[in-house]
Amino acid sequence: MGPELHYQIMINRAAELQEEAASHRRARQAMASLKAQQRSRRLRGTFGKLRSS
């Protein structure tokens, strides 16, 4: 395998890994957002119960 071919393979693999990392980052952000929304709903529900007491 020539150095140019090896270099091209390295560049392609790096691009694949960056795409995979971006996908994982988006998934983590989505999960964090979902957890924050659930936490907000719980707090809102608790606060509403406290105010009506």
N, C-alpha and C. Protein backbone atom coordinates (compact mmCIF):
# COMPACT_ATOMS: atom_id res chain seq x y z
N MET A 1 0.86 -1.17 0.00
CA MET A 1 0.00 0.00 0.00
C MET A 1 0.91 1.23 0.00
N GLY A 2 0.65 2.10 -0.95
CA GLY A 2 1.46 3.31 -1.07
C GLY A 2 1.10 4.32 0.00
N PRO A 3 2.01 5.23 0.28
CA PRO A 3 1.76 6.24 1.32
C PRO A 3 0.55 7.12 1.02
N GLU A 4 0.29 7.41 -0.26
CA GLU A 4 -0.85 8.26 -0.59
C GLU A 4 -2.17 7.54 -0.31
N LEU A 5 -2.21 6.24 -0.64
CA LEU A 5 -3.41 5.45 -0.37
C LEU A 5 -3.63 5.33 1.14
N HIS A 6 -2.56 5.09 1.87
CA HIS A 6 -2.65 4.98 3.33
C HIS A 6 -3.16 6.29 3.94
N TYR A 7 -2.63 7.40 3.45
CA TYR A 7 -3.05 8.71 3.94
C TYR A 7 -4.54 8.94 3.66
N GLN A 8 -4.99 8.55 2.46
CA GLN A 8 -6.40 8.72 2.11
C GLN A 8 -7.29 7.87 3.01
N ILE A 9 -6.87 6.65 3.30
CA ILE A 9 -7.62 5.78 4.21
C ILE A 9 -7.70 6.41 5.59
N MET A 10 -6.59 6.98 6.07
CA MET A 10 -6.59 7.64 7.38
C MET A 10 -7.56 8.82 7.40
N ILE A 11 -7.58 9.60 6.33
CA ILE A 11 -8.49 10.75 6.26
C ILE A 11 -9.94 10.28 6.28
N ASN A 12 -10.24 9.23 5.50
CA ASN A 12 -11.61 8.71 5.46
C ASN A 12 -12.03 8.17 6.82
N ARG A 13 -11.14 7.45 7.48
CA ARG A 13 -11.47 6.88 8.80
C ARG A 13 -11.69 8.00 9.83
N ALA A 14 -10.87 9.03 9.77
CA ALA A 14 -11.04 10.17 10.68
C ALA A 14 -12.40 10.83 10.47
N ALA A 15 -12.81 10.96 9.21
CA ALA A 15 -14.11 11.56 8.92
C ALA A 15 -15.24 10.68 9.45
N GLU A 16 -15.11 9.35 9.29
CA GLU A 16 -16.11 8.44 9.82
C GLU A 16 -16.22 8.55 11.34
N LEU A 17 -15.08 8.63 12.01
CA LEU A 17 -15.08 8.73 13.47
C LEU A 17 -15.69 10.06 13.93
N GLN A 18 -15.43 11.13 13.19
CA GLN A 18 -16.01 12.43 13.55
C GLN A 18 -17.53 12.40 13.39
N GLU A 19 -18.01 11.75 12.32
CA GLU A 19 -19.46 11.64 12.13
C GLU A 19 -20.09 10.82 13.26
N GLU A 20 -19.42 9.74 13.64
CA GLU A 20 -19.92 8.90 14.72
C GLU A 20 -19.95 9.66 16.04
N ALA A 21 -18.91 10.43 16.30
CA ALA A 21 -18.86 11.23 17.53
C ALA A 21 -19.98 12.27 17.54
N ALA A 22 -20.24 12.89 16.40
CA ALA A 22 -21.31 13.88 16.32
C ALA A 22 -22.66 13.23 16.58
N SER A 23 -22.84 12.02 16.07
CA SER A 23 -24.09 11.30 16.30
C SER A 23 -24.28 10.99 17.78
N HIS A 24 -23.22 10.54 18.43
CA HIS A 24 -23.31 10.25 19.87
C HIS A 24 -23.56 11.52 20.67
N ARG A 25 -22.93 12.61 20.25
CA ARG A 25 -23.12 13.89 20.95
C ARG A 25 -24.57 14.33 20.85
N ARG A 26 -25.17 14.20 19.65
CA ARG A 26 -26.58 14.58 19.49
C ARG A 26 -27.48 13.70 20.33
N ALA A 27 -27.16 12.42 20.42
CA ALA A 27 -27.97 11.51 21.24
C ALA A 27 -27.88 11.88 22.71
N ARG A 28 -26.67 12.20 23.18
CA ARG A 28 -26.51 12.61 24.59
C ARG A 28 -27.25 13.91 24.86
N GLN A 29 -27.18 14.85 23.93
CA GLN A 29 -27.90 16.11 24.11
C GLN A 29 -29.40 15.90 24.14
N ALA A 30 -29.89 15.02 23.30
CA ALA A 30 -31.33 14.73 23.28
C ALA A 30 -31.76 14.10 24.60
N MET A 31 -30.97 13.16 25.11
CA MET A 31 -31.30 12.52 26.39
C MET A 31 -31.26 13.53 27.53
N ALA A 32 -30.27 14.41 27.52
CA ALA A 32 -30.18 15.43 28.57
C ALA A 32 -31.38 16.37 28.50
N SER A 33 -31.79 16.72 27.30
CA SER A 33 -32.95 17.59 27.13
C SER A 33 -34.22 16.91 27.64
N LEU A 34 -34.37 15.65 27.32
CA LEU A 34 -35.54 14.89 27.77
C LEU A 34 -35.57 14.81 29.30
N LYS A 35 -34.43 14.54 29.91
CA LYS A 35 -34.36 14.46 31.37
C LYS A 35 -34.68 15.81 32.00
N ALA A 36 -34.20 16.89 31.39
CA ALA A 36 -34.48 18.23 31.92
C ALA A 36 -35.97 18.54 31.85
N GLN A 37 -36.61 18.14 30.75
CA GLN A 37 -38.05 18.37 30.62
C GLN A 37 -38.82 17.57 31.67
N GLN A 38 -38.42 16.33 31.90
CA GLN A 38 -39.09 15.51 32.90
C GLN A 38 -38.90 16.10 34.29
N ARG A 39 -37.68 16.57 34.57
CA ARG A 39 -37.39 17.16 35.87
C ARG A 39 -38.22 18.43 36.06
N SER A 40 -38.35 19.21 34.99
CA SER A 40 -39.13 20.45 35.05
C SER A 40 -40.59 20.14 35.34
N ARG A 41 -41.11 19.11 34.69
CA ARG A 41 -42.52 18.74 34.93
C ARG A 41 -42.73 18.30 36.37
N ARG A 42 -41.78 17.51 36.90
CA ARG A 42 -41.91 17.05 38.29
C ARG A 42 -41.87 18.23 39.25
N LEU A 43 -40.93 19.15 39.01
CA LEU A 43 -40.83 20.31 39.90
C LEU A 43 -42.07 21.18 39.80
N ARG A 44 -42.58 21.36 38.58
CA ARG A 44 -43.78 22.16 38.39
C ARG A 44 -44.96 21.51 39.11
N GLY A 45 -45.05 20.18 39.03
CA GLY A 45 -46.13 19.46 39.71
C GLY A 45 -46.01 19.58 41.22
N THR A 46 -44.81 19.47 41.74
CA THR A 46 -44.57 19.59 43.17
C THR A 46 -44.89 21.01 43.63
N PHE A 47 -44.43 22.01 42.87
CA PHE A 47 -44.67 23.40 43.25
C PHE A 47 -46.16 23.69 43.23
N GLY A 48 -46.87 23.17 42.26
CA GLY A 48 -48.32 23.39 42.19
C GLY A 48 -49.03 22.78 43.38
N LYS A 49 -48.58 21.62 43.83
CA LYS A 49 -49.19 20.99 45.00
C LYS A 49 -48.90 21.79 46.26
N LEU A 50 -47.71 22.34 46.36
CA LEU A 50 -47.36 23.12 47.54
C LEU A 50 -48.16 24.43 47.59
N ARG A 51 -48.35 25.06 46.44
CA ARG A 51 -49.08 26.33 46.41
C ARG A 51 -50.55 26.13 46.76
N SER A 52 -51.14 25.00 46.36
CA SER A 52 -52.55 24.80 46.60
C SER A 52 -52.81 24.32 48.04
N SER A 53 -51.77 23.91 48.76
CA SER A 53 -51.95 23.42 50.13
C SER A 53 -52.17 24.54 51.10
